[in-house]
Amino acid sequence: MEKVLVVEDEVPINQVLKVYLQKEGYQVVQAFDGNEAIRLFQQELPALVLLDIMLPETNGWKILEEIRMIGSCPVIMLTALDEITYRLNGLKGGADDYITKPFIADEVVARVQAVLRRSGNKTKPDGVKRFGQLTVNWKSHSVSLYGVTIPLSPRDLALFLFLSQHPNQTFTREQLLDRVWGMDYDGSDRAVDLAVKRIRKALGEWSIHEGEIKTLRGLGYQFCVKD
């Protein structure tokens, strides 16, 4: 079930979008101001964001900028500002689509479906995807490079499989500990750093021109792959 973050301060509109999206099988997370939107985006890691521009606390432009600093999560802008300048600003800022108010909820859902289809974040139906010469098989829980299986410990493999499921998205150590190690883990967050170091060593022959695990200072780690 894909997760959609709806950022809209008008409660009736937010609620209507939630109902229509849930009817189509999406999990919906709601935010009603800009600060809450940024917090929930980092916490929930949605597949797509529906983002209003005129918001309390932090406006949509700033939120879009924050999202693009973290990764390539699709964003659809929602606003009553229908001048072409605003649309161009949104698209130039990294928005994937732009819907002006008033809108029909069914159209918004259709746009969500279209943007998610276009986004490159979905794996193939058989659970296998290639990143250049690197092949990741989520079904068999294996990773191979140039056709040779890469030996990884269960914990390191789980971390890499998670990162590779979210290409070009950035995760903090805390998020990775939560998602991979589990909430009951009580060790040091240095475990993430050490695991990433071991994974990088195991993938030492993988061309940097195809991808890499990047460290973004002050933000976290990202499975960065080239288009």
Protein backbone atom coordinates (compact mmCIF):
# COMPACT_ATOMS: atom_id res chain seq x y z
CA MET A 1 0.00 0.00 0.00
CA GLU A 2 1.60 3.25 -1.16
CA LYS A 3 1.63 6.18 1.25
CA VAL A 4 0.55 9.70 0.24
CA LEU A 5 1.21 12.76 2.40
CA VAL A 6 -1.55 15.37 1.99
CA VAL A 7 -0.40 18.85 3.05
CA GLU A 8 -3.41 21.18 3.12
CA ASP A 9 -4.48 23.58 5.88
CA GLU A 10 -8.16 23.68 4.84
CA VAL A 11 -9.58 20.77 6.81
CA PRO A 12 -12.56 19.99 4.50
CA ILE A 13 -10.28 19.76 1.44
CA ASN A 14 -7.74 17.64 3.31
CA GLN A 15 -10.48 15.29 4.49
CA VAL A 16 -12.03 14.92 1.02
CA LEU A 17 -8.66 14.08 -0.53
CA LYS A 18 -8.06 11.52 2.22
CA VAL A 19 -11.38 9.78 1.57
CA TYR A 20 -10.88 9.62 -2.21
CA LEU A 21 -7.29 8.41 -1.95
CA GLN A 22 -8.15 5.76 0.62
CA LYS A 23 -10.95 4.55 -1.64
CA GLU A 24 -8.28 3.85 -4.28
CA GLY A 25 -6.15 1.90 -1.82
CA TYR A 26 -3.63 4.52 -0.70
CA GLN A 27 -2.50 5.02 2.87
CA VAL A 28 -2.95 8.71 3.71
CA VAL A 29 -0.98 10.85 6.15
CA GLN A 30 -2.36 14.35 6.80
CA ALA A 31 -0.52 17.58 7.61
CA PHE A 32 -2.22 20.93 8.22
CA ASP A 33 0.73 23.31 8.41
CA GLY A 34 4.21 23.59 6.95
CA ASN A 35 6.22 22.56 9.99
CA GLU A 36 4.08 19.47 10.52
CA ALA A 37 4.50 18.63 6.82
CA ILE A 38 8.31 18.60 7.02
CA ARG A 39 8.26 16.50 10.20
CA LEU A 40 5.83 13.95 8.77
CA PHE A 41 7.69 13.75 5.47
CA GLN A 42 10.90 12.81 7.26
CA GLN A 43 9.07 10.43 9.59
CA GLU A 44 6.66 8.68 7.21
CA LEU A 45 8.72 8.61 3.96
CA PRO A 46 5.69 8.83 1.62
CA ALA A 47 5.62 7.66 -1.99
CA LEU A 48 4.12 11.02 -3.05
CA VAL A 49 3.24 14.41 -1.56
CA LEU A 50 0.17 16.53 -2.37
CA LEU A 51 1.39 19.97 -1.35
CA ASP A 52 -0.58 23.19 -0.92
CA ILE A 53 1.43 26.41 -1.35
CA MET A 54 -0.29 28.84 1.02
CA LEU A 55 0.29 27.22 4.41
CA PRO A 56 0.74 28.40 8.01
CA GLU A 57 4.24 28.28 9.52
CA THR A 58 6.19 27.28 6.37
CA ASN A 59 4.92 27.76 2.82
CA GLY A 60 4.82 25.15 0.09
CA TRP A 61 7.82 26.56 -1.80
CA LYS A 62 10.06 26.04 1.23
CA ILE A 63 8.68 22.55 1.85
CA LEU A 64 9.31 21.61 -1.79
CA GLU A 65 12.89 22.83 -1.39
CA GLU A 66 13.32 20.73 1.76
CA ILE A 67 11.93 17.64 0.02
CA ARG A 68 14.27 18.07 -2.94
CA MET A 69 17.24 18.35 -0.58
CA ILE A 70 16.33 14.90 0.78
CA GLY A 71 15.40 13.03 -2.40
CA SER A 72 13.27 12.62 -5.49
CA CYS A 73 9.87 11.85 -3.92
CA PRO A 74 7.15 12.96 -6.39
CA VAL A 75 5.35 16.18 -5.44
CA ILE A 76 2.07 17.55 -6.83
CA MET A 77 1.42 21.20 -5.96
CA LEU A 78 -2.11 22.26 -4.95
CA THR A 79 -3.00 25.96 -4.98
CA ALA A 80 -5.52 28.64 -5.84
CA LEU A 81 -2.69 30.60 -7.48
CA ASP A 82 -3.35 29.92 -11.15
CA GLU A 83 -1.02 32.44 -12.77
CA ILE A 84 1.48 30.90 -15.17
CA THR A 85 4.39 32.37 -13.15
CA TYR A 86 3.44 30.32 -10.10
CA ARG A 87 3.10 27.16 -12.16
CA LEU A 88 6.50 27.67 -13.74
CA ASN A 89 8.06 28.37 -10.34
CA GLY A 90 6.66 25.14 -8.99
CA LEU A 91 7.83 23.03 -11.91
CA LYS A 92 11.25 24.67 -11.97
CA GLY A 93 11.53 24.06 -8.24
CA GLY A 94 11.14 20.32 -8.78
CA ALA A 95 7.36 19.74 -8.64
CA ASP A 96 6.11 16.84 -10.76
CA ASP A 97 2.65 18.28 -11.43
CA TYR A 98 0.50 21.29 -10.59
CA ILE A 99 -3.25 21.39 -9.85
CA THR A 100 -5.20 24.62 -9.30
CA LYS A 101 -8.20 25.03 -7.03
CA PRO A 102 -11.06 24.43 -7.27
CA PHE A 103 -10.43 20.89 -8.45
CA ILE A 104 -12.36 17.64 -8.73
CA ALA A 105 -11.10 15.04 -6.24
CA ASP A 106 -11.28 12.28 -8.86
CA GLU A 107 -8.91 14.27 -11.06
CA VAL A 108 -6.43 14.66 -8.20
CA VAL A 109 -6.47 10.88 -7.64
CA ALA A 110 -5.92 10.32 -11.38
CA ARG A 111 -2.97 12.72 -11.33
CA VAL A 112 -1.52 10.89 -8.31
CA GLN A 113 -1.78 7.59 -10.13
CA ALA A 114 -0.19 9.02 -13.28
CA VAL A 115 2.74 10.62 -11.43
CA LEU A 116 3.44 7.43 -9.48
CA ARG A 117 3.40 5.44 -12.73
CA ARG A 118 5.92 7.86 -14.24
CA SER A 119 8.20 7.93 -11.22
CA GLY A 120 11.18 5.65 -11.40
CA ASN A 121 10.85 4.41 -7.84
CA LYS A 122 8.85 1.23 -8.48
CA THR A 123 10.57 -2.10 -8.88
CA LYS A 124 9.66 -4.53 -11.64
CA PRO A 125 6.79 -6.97 -10.93
CA ASP A 126 9.19 -9.89 -10.41
CA GLY A 127 11.05 -7.96 -7.71
CA VAL A 128 14.26 -7.64 -9.71
CA LYS A 129 15.92 -4.44 -10.87
CA ARG A 130 19.25 -3.61 -12.47
CA PHE A 131 21.31 -0.55 -11.71
CA GLY A 132 23.91 -0.80 -14.43
CA GLN A 133 25.87 -3.99 -13.72
CA LEU A 134 24.38 -4.30 -10.23
CA THR A 135 21.31 -6.52 -9.91
CA VAL A 136 19.06 -6.43 -6.86
CA ASN A 137 16.52 -9.20 -6.30
CA TRP A 138 14.15 -8.36 -3.46
CA LYS A 139 12.23 -11.61 -3.91
CA SER A 140 15.25 -13.86 -3.35
CA HIS A 141 17.01 -11.34 -1.09
CA SER A 142 20.19 -11.30 -3.13
CA VAL A 143 22.55 -8.81 -4.75
CA SER A 144 24.91 -9.57 -7.63
CA LEU A 145 27.54 -7.60 -9.50
CA TYR A 146 28.61 -8.66 -12.99
CA GLY A 147 26.57 -11.82 -12.42
CA VAL A 148 28.41 -12.78 -9.22
CA THR A 149 26.49 -12.86 -5.93
CA ILE A 150 27.75 -10.35 -3.36
CA PRO A 151 28.17 -11.94 0.10
CA LEU A 152 26.59 -9.73 2.77
CA SER A 153 25.60 -10.48 6.34
CA PRO A 154 21.83 -10.64 6.96
CA ARG A 155 21.79 -7.22 8.65
CA ASP A 156 23.96 -5.55 5.98
CA LEU A 157 21.85 -7.15 3.25
CA ALA A 158 18.63 -5.90 4.88
CA LEU A 159 20.06 -2.38 5.01
CA PHE A 160 21.14 -2.43 1.38
CA LEU A 161 17.83 -3.88 0.17
CA PHE A 162 15.99 -1.11 2.00
CA LEU A 163 18.16 1.65 0.53
CA SER A 164 17.89 0.20 -2.97
CA GLN A 165 14.10 0.17 -2.71
CA HIS A 166 14.24 3.96 -2.30
CA PRO A 167 16.78 5.19 -4.87
CA ASN A 168 17.92 8.81 -4.56
CA GLN A 169 16.16 9.28 -1.22
CA THR A 170 18.09 10.28 1.90
CA PHE A 171 17.64 8.59 5.28
CA THR A 172 19.03 9.59 8.66
CA ARG A 173 20.78 7.04 10.87
CA GLU A 174 17.75 7.06 13.16
CA GLN A 175 15.37 6.28 10.29
CA LEU A 176 17.56 3.40 9.12
CA LEU A 177 17.83 2.00 12.63
CA ASP A 178 14.05 2.13 12.93
CA ARG A 179 13.32 0.62 9.51
CA VAL A 180 16.05 -2.03 9.42
CA TRP A 181 17.23 -2.73 12.98
CA GLY A 182 13.81 -2.26 14.54
CA MET A 183 12.47 0.03 17.24
CA ASP A 184 13.71 -2.27 20.04
CA TYR A 185 17.34 -1.80 18.99
CA ASP A 186 19.26 -0.19 21.86
CA GLY A 187 22.78 -0.06 20.44
CA SER A 188 24.78 2.82 18.97
CA ASP A 189 23.79 4.51 15.71
CA ARG A 190 27.41 3.91 14.67
CA ALA A 191 26.12 0.49 13.62
CA VAL A 192 24.70 2.16 10.51
CA ASP A 193 28.04 3.78 9.63
CA LEU A 194 29.88 0.48 10.01
CA ALA A 195 27.29 -1.41 7.94
CA VAL A 196 27.51 1.16 5.14
CA LYS A 197 31.31 0.87 5.21
CA ARG A 198 31.11 -2.91 4.81
CA ILE A 199 28.56 -2.63 1.99
CA ARG A 200 30.72 -0.13 0.12
CA LYS A 201 33.69 -2.47 0.41
CA ALA A 202 31.61 -5.39 -0.91
CA LEU A 203 30.51 -3.26 -3.87
CA GLY A 204 34.00 -1.97 -4.51
CA GLU A 205 33.98 -3.04 -8.19
CA TRP A 206 30.69 -1.25 -8.93
CA SER A 207 31.27 1.73 -11.22
CA ILE A 208 30.69 5.11 -9.59
CA HIS A 209 29.25 6.17 -12.95
CA GLU A 210 26.31 3.81 -12.34
CA GLY A 211 25.69 4.53 -8.67
CA GLU A 212 26.96 4.61 -5.10
CA ILE A 213 25.91 4.93 -1.48
CA LYS A 214 26.47 8.59 -0.75
CA THR A 215 26.94 10.30 2.58
CA LEU A 216 25.14 13.65 2.79
CA ARG A 217 26.74 15.52 5.65
CA GLY A 218 24.21 16.38 8.33
CA LEU A 219 21.41 14.50 6.52
CA GLY A 220 22.26 10.81 6.23
CA TYR A 221 22.77 8.18 3.54
CA GLN A 222 21.41 7.87 0.01
CA PHE A 223 21.45 5.08 -2.56
CA CYS A 224 22.33 7.36 -5.45
CA VAL A 225 21.83 5.99 -8.95
CA LYS A 226 22.25 7.67 -12.30
CA ASP A 227 19.35 8.20 -14.73
